[in-house]
Protein backbone atom coordinates (compact mmCIF):
# COMPACT_ATOMS: atom_id res chain seq x y z
CA MET A 1 -2.55 -53.70 19.97
CA ASP A 2 -2.15 -49.81 20.51
CA PRO A 3 -1.64 -50.45 24.45
CA ILE A 4 1.28 -52.60 24.00
CA ALA A 5 2.82 -50.55 21.08
CA ASP A 6 2.48 -47.22 22.92
CA GLU A 7 4.25 -48.58 26.12
CA GLY A 8 6.85 -50.76 24.23
CA PHE A 9 8.06 -47.86 22.08
CA ASP A 10 10.92 -45.55 23.41
CA SER A 11 12.18 -42.61 21.42
CA GLU A 12 16.01 -43.41 22.11
CA CYS A 13 15.65 -47.17 22.09
CA GLY A 14 12.83 -47.57 19.46
CA ALA A 15 10.70 -50.77 19.76
CA ARG A 16 13.68 -52.58 22.06
CA PRO A 17 11.36 -52.32 25.23
CA LEU A 18 8.71 -54.17 23.26
CA ARG A 19 9.51 -57.65 24.00
CA ARG A 20 9.64 -56.87 27.72
CA VAL A 21 6.10 -55.32 27.44
CA ILE A 22 4.82 -58.34 25.67
CA GLN A 23 6.38 -60.59 28.41
CA ARG A 24 4.95 -58.50 31.25
CA ARG A 25 1.54 -57.91 29.82
CA VAL A 26 0.56 -60.83 27.74
CA ASP A 27 2.77 -63.76 29.02
CA ASN A 28 1.86 -62.96 32.52
CA GLU A 29 -1.83 -62.62 31.89
CA LEU A 30 -1.73 -65.95 29.97
CA ALA A 31 0.24 -67.52 32.79
CA GLY A 32 -2.24 -66.51 35.34
CA MET A 33 -5.14 -67.71 33.20
CA VAL A 34 -3.42 -71.15 33.13
CA LEU A 35 -2.92 -71.29 36.88
CA GLY A 36 -6.48 -69.94 37.49
CA GLY A 37 -7.91 -72.69 35.62
CA SER A 38 -9.50 -70.63 32.90
CA LEU A 39 -7.27 -71.81 30.19
CA ASN A 40 -6.82 -75.53 29.26
CA PRO A 41 -4.94 -77.48 26.79
CA GLY A 42 -6.81 -77.05 23.25
CA ASP A 43 -8.07 -73.80 24.08
CA LYS A 44 -7.18 -70.90 21.79
CA VAL A 45 -6.70 -67.44 22.95
CA THR A 46 -7.30 -64.15 20.79
CA THR A 47 -6.07 -60.98 22.11
CA GLY A 48 -7.14 -57.48 21.23
CA ALA A 49 -7.61 -53.69 22.63
CA GLU A 50 -10.49 -52.04 23.98
CA ASP A 51 -10.61 -48.66 25.35
CA GLY A 52 -6.90 -48.80 25.99
CA LEU A 53 -7.05 -52.20 27.85
CA LEU A 54 -5.74 -55.64 26.65
CA THR A 55 -8.61 -58.09 26.17
CA PHE A 56 -8.14 -61.95 26.13
CA ASP A 57 -11.00 -64.19 24.72
CA VAL A 58 -10.83 -68.04 25.16
CA HIS A 59 -12.23 -70.22 22.90
CA GLU A 60 -12.41 -73.69 24.45
CA GLY A 61 -11.09 -76.48 22.39
CA ALA A 62 -10.53 -74.57 19.22
CA ALA A 63 -6.80 -75.14 18.98
CA GLU A 64 -5.16 -78.41 17.55
CA ILE A 65 -2.96 -79.84 20.10
CA PRO A 66 0.30 -81.58 18.16
CA GLY A 67 0.31 -85.24 18.20
CA ASP A 68 -3.11 -85.37 19.50
CA THR A 69 -5.13 -87.09 16.40
CA ASP A 70 -8.25 -89.15 16.57
CA ASP A 71 -6.11 -92.22 15.13
CA ASP A 72 -4.41 -92.67 18.52
CA LYS A 73 -7.75 -92.78 20.67
CA GLU A 74 -9.54 -96.06 21.14
CA THR A 75 -13.08 -96.34 20.23
CA PRO A 76 -15.42 -99.24 21.18
CA GLU A 77 -14.95 -100.67 17.52
CA THR A 78 -11.17 -100.71 17.75
CA ALA A 79 -11.23 -101.76 21.62
CA SER A 80 -13.27 -104.87 20.58
CA ASP A 81 -10.61 -106.01 17.80
CA GLN A 82 -7.81 -106.06 20.66
CA PRO A 83 -7.24 -109.42 21.91
CA GLU A 84 -7.54 -109.73 25.79
């Protein structure tokens, strides 16, 4: 993540500006992806750097969503067991 480290380091403040750089460069890009519809619940994003620029790769459905288990989902077998 050299682009972030380079921008987030200040010889007087050390790495203190790093948080603002992460918020500005990473959080804003992720928010834009969510609002633009290219990032959805359950997707996983990996970030990297290439030629001095940040990269964002979306892996659809790769992340686990807390509380989202197959036990909670109704299947045809369990639906037929339910009284009407």
